[in-house]
């Protein structure tokens, strides 16, 4: 086990959203923005922005990492770009203001129909229905999640009907 693999997840977290140069075995070097680090294998997921708005993703396996050097801190704009890389296409179509409006409108509609709903998560972006179902941005039927299939199906149907009336 190398020094990199011995670090804790809290140590690795300090590298997220930073431009790094990774020295790996056999004199290989990789540069990119750290998206995440796998806490089990210590593998580093790097993103490199190419021309024409494309992104290249590479993974440096944890056992091959010899040294990681931070080249540049990520600003708020870069953190936003990195966080959107794996976001579904639908959610990219909405601004933060639009998502907030969609969330508030859906929450109000659910409450009007006597369905208990709360906001959860750090930023309050996820809606929680009756403590057994969650709805993530952009707040459509596809973003509903629950282990109870009956509740999931019924709430998805309600949201679908609500969205169709909105159009």
Protein backbone atom coordinates (compact mmCIF):
# COMPACT_ATOMS: atom_id res chain seq x y z
CA UNK A 1 0.00 0.00 0.00
CA UNK A 2 1.45 3.39 -1.00
CA UNK A 3 1.26 6.74 0.85
CA UNK A 4 -1.64 7.92 -1.32
CA UNK A 5 -3.73 4.86 -0.43
CA UNK A 6 -3.04 5.37 3.29
CA UNK A 7 -4.66 8.83 3.29
CA UNK A 8 -8.14 9.21 4.74
CA UNK A 9 -11.21 10.32 2.76
CA UNK A 10 -11.00 13.68 4.55
CA UNK A 11 -7.44 14.10 3.21
CA UNK A 12 -8.56 13.20 -0.31
CA UNK A 13 -11.52 15.58 -0.13
CA UNK A 14 -9.09 18.52 0.01
CA UNK A 15 -8.07 17.71 -3.60
CA UNK A 16 -11.61 17.86 -5.05
CA UNK A 17 -12.27 20.78 -7.47
CA UNK A 18 -8.55 21.49 -7.85
CA UNK A 19 -6.27 21.25 -10.88
CA UNK A 20 -3.64 18.61 -10.09
CA UNK A 21 -0.69 16.83 -11.63
CA UNK A 22 -0.60 13.14 -10.74
CA UNK A 23 2.68 11.26 -10.96
CA UNK A 24 1.99 7.56 -11.44
CA UNK A 25 4.07 4.42 -11.81
CA UNK A 26 6.28 3.98 -14.88
CA UNK A 27 6.79 7.77 -15.10
CA UNK A 28 3.23 8.44 -16.32
CA UNK A 29 1.84 11.91 -15.56
CA UNK A 30 -1.77 13.06 -15.67
CA UNK A 31 -3.22 16.56 -15.33
CA UNK A 32 -6.80 17.55 -14.76
CA UNK A 33 -9.46 18.78 -12.39
CA UNK A 34 -10.28 16.35 -9.58
CA UNK A 35 -13.96 15.37 -9.77
CA UNK A 36 -13.82 12.80 -7.00
CA UNK A 37 -11.64 10.20 -5.35
CA UNK A 38 -12.94 6.71 -4.69
CA UNK A 39 -12.63 6.05 -0.94
CA UNK A 40 -12.23 2.28 -1.42
CA UNK A 41 -9.60 2.09 -4.17
CA UNK A 42 -8.10 5.62 -3.77
CA UNK A 43 -8.55 6.06 -7.54
CA UNK A 44 -8.64 9.66 -8.78
CA UNK A 45 -11.24 10.77 -11.34
CA UNK A 46 -9.90 13.66 -13.42
CA UNK A 47 -11.75 15.94 -15.85
CA UNK A 48 -10.03 17.84 -18.64
CA UNK A 49 -11.94 20.43 -20.65
CA UNK A 50 -11.32 20.19 -24.40
CA UNK A 51 -12.27 22.50 -27.26
CA UNK A 52 -15.89 22.49 -28.47
CA UNK A 53 -17.19 22.14 -24.88
CA UNK A 54 -16.27 18.45 -24.64
CA UNK A 55 -14.88 16.92 -21.47
CA UNK A 56 -12.35 14.12 -21.17
CA UNK A 57 -12.62 11.93 -18.07
CA UNK A 58 -9.70 9.81 -16.91
CA UNK A 59 -9.19 7.60 -13.89
CA UNK A 60 -5.83 7.08 -12.24
CA UNK A 61 -5.99 3.88 -10.20
CA UNK A 62 -5.09 4.39 -6.54
CA UNK A 63 -2.36 1.75 -6.43
CA UNK A 64 -0.53 3.51 -9.29
CA UNK A 65 -0.49 6.99 -7.70
CA UNK A 66 2.95 8.03 -6.49
CA UNK A 67 2.47 11.77 -5.94
CA UNK A 68 -0.28 14.39 -6.34
CA UNK A 69 0.64 18.04 -6.77
CA UNK A 70 -2.00 20.80 -6.62
CA UNK A 71 -1.49 23.22 -9.52
CA UNK A 72 -4.50 25.50 -9.15
CA UNK A 73 -7.50 26.08 -6.88
CA UNK A 74 -10.94 25.93 -8.48
CA UNK A 75 -13.06 29.08 -8.38
CA UNK A 76 -16.86 29.05 -8.03
CA UNK A 77 -17.36 28.98 -11.81
CA UNK A 78 -15.09 25.93 -12.15
CA UNK A 79 -16.83 24.15 -9.27
CA UNK A 80 -20.14 24.72 -11.06
CA UNK A 81 -18.75 23.37 -14.36
CA UNK A 82 -17.39 20.28 -12.60
CA UNK A 83 -20.62 19.62 -10.73
CA UNK A 84 -22.60 19.68 -14.01
CA UNK A 85 -20.47 17.13 -15.87
CA UNK A 86 -22.57 14.11 -14.89
CA UNK A 87 -25.87 15.97 -14.39
CA UNK A 88 -28.72 14.74 -16.59
CA UNK A 89 -29.34 16.85 -19.71
CA UNK A 90 -32.82 17.85 -18.50
CA UNK A 91 -31.51 19.52 -15.36
CA UNK A 92 -28.97 21.55 -17.35
CA UNK A 93 -31.80 23.27 -19.19
CA UNK A 94 -32.92 25.14 -16.07
CA UNK A 95 -31.22 27.99 -14.27
CA UNK A 96 -30.99 27.92 -10.48
CA UNK A 97 -33.84 30.45 -10.33
CA UNK A 98 -36.03 28.30 -12.60
CA UNK A 99 -35.32 25.19 -10.51
CA UNK A 100 -36.21 27.08 -7.32
CA UNK A 101 -39.47 28.26 -8.92
CA UNK A 102 -40.33 24.71 -10.10
CA UNK A 103 -39.61 23.32 -6.63
CA UNK A 104 -41.71 25.96 -4.86
CA UNK A 105 -44.62 25.59 -7.31
CA UNK A 106 -44.65 21.78 -6.94
CA UNK A 107 -44.33 22.01 -3.15
CA UNK A 108 -47.24 24.48 -2.97
CA UNK A 109 -49.37 22.28 -5.24
CA UNK A 110 -48.63 19.16 -3.14
CA UNK A 111 -49.47 21.02 0.08
CA UNK A 112 -52.70 22.37 -1.47
CA UNK A 113 -53.65 18.76 -2.18
CA UNK A 114 -52.95 17.80 1.45
CA UNK A 115 -49.78 15.84 0.65
CA UNK A 116 -47.17 16.34 3.38
CA UNK A 117 -43.94 17.63 1.84
CA UNK A 118 -40.68 18.96 3.30
CA UNK A 119 -37.37 20.16 1.90
CA UNK A 120 -34.21 18.24 2.71
CA UNK A 121 -30.52 18.20 1.93
CA UNK A 122 -27.89 20.87 2.53
CA UNK A 123 -29.39 23.35 0.09
CA UNK A 124 -33.00 22.18 0.49
CA UNK A 125 -33.12 21.18 -3.18
CA UNK A 126 -34.75 17.78 -2.57
CA UNK A 127 -38.43 17.52 -1.75
CA UNK A 128 -39.48 14.71 0.61
CA UNK A 129 -43.08 13.48 0.41
CA UNK A 130 -44.49 11.91 3.59
CA UNK A 131 -40.99 10.84 4.60
CA UNK A 132 -40.99 7.95 2.10
CA UNK A 133 -40.39 9.53 -1.32
CA UNK A 134 -37.90 12.09 -2.62
CA UNK A 135 -38.09 14.36 -5.65
CA UNK A 136 -34.85 15.84 -7.01
CA UNK A 137 -34.39 18.69 -9.52
CA UNK A 138 -35.86 19.37 -12.04
CA UNK A 139 -38.85 17.98 -10.12
CA UNK A 140 -40.50 15.72 -12.68
CA UNK A 141 -41.90 12.17 -12.35
CA UNK A 142 -38.52 10.69 -13.44
CA UNK A 143 -36.77 12.31 -10.47
CA UNK A 144 -39.01 10.59 -7.90
CA UNK A 145 -37.40 7.91 -5.76
CA UNK A 146 -38.95 5.57 -3.20
CA UNK A 147 -38.62 1.98 -2.03
CA UNK A 148 -42.44 1.80 -1.88
CA UNK A 149 -43.50 1.11 -5.48
CA UNK A 150 -47.19 1.89 -4.87
CA UNK A 151 -46.47 5.35 -3.44
CA UNK A 152 -43.85 5.95 -6.14
CA UNK A 153 -46.31 5.13 -8.93
CA UNK A 154 -49.12 7.25 -7.46
CA UNK A 155 -46.98 10.32 -6.78
CA UNK A 156 -45.38 10.07 -10.25
CA UNK A 157 -48.89 10.00 -11.73
CA UNK A 158 -49.92 13.04 -9.69
CA UNK A 159 -46.83 15.00 -10.74
CA UNK A 160 -47.33 14.01 -14.40
CA UNK A 161 -50.92 15.28 -14.24
CA UNK A 162 -49.80 18.48 -12.52
CA UNK A 163 -47.11 19.14 -15.17
CA UNK A 164 -49.54 18.48 -18.03
CA UNK A 165 -51.97 21.07 -16.57
CA UNK A 166 -49.12 23.59 -16.34
CA UNK A 167 -48.42 23.46 -20.09
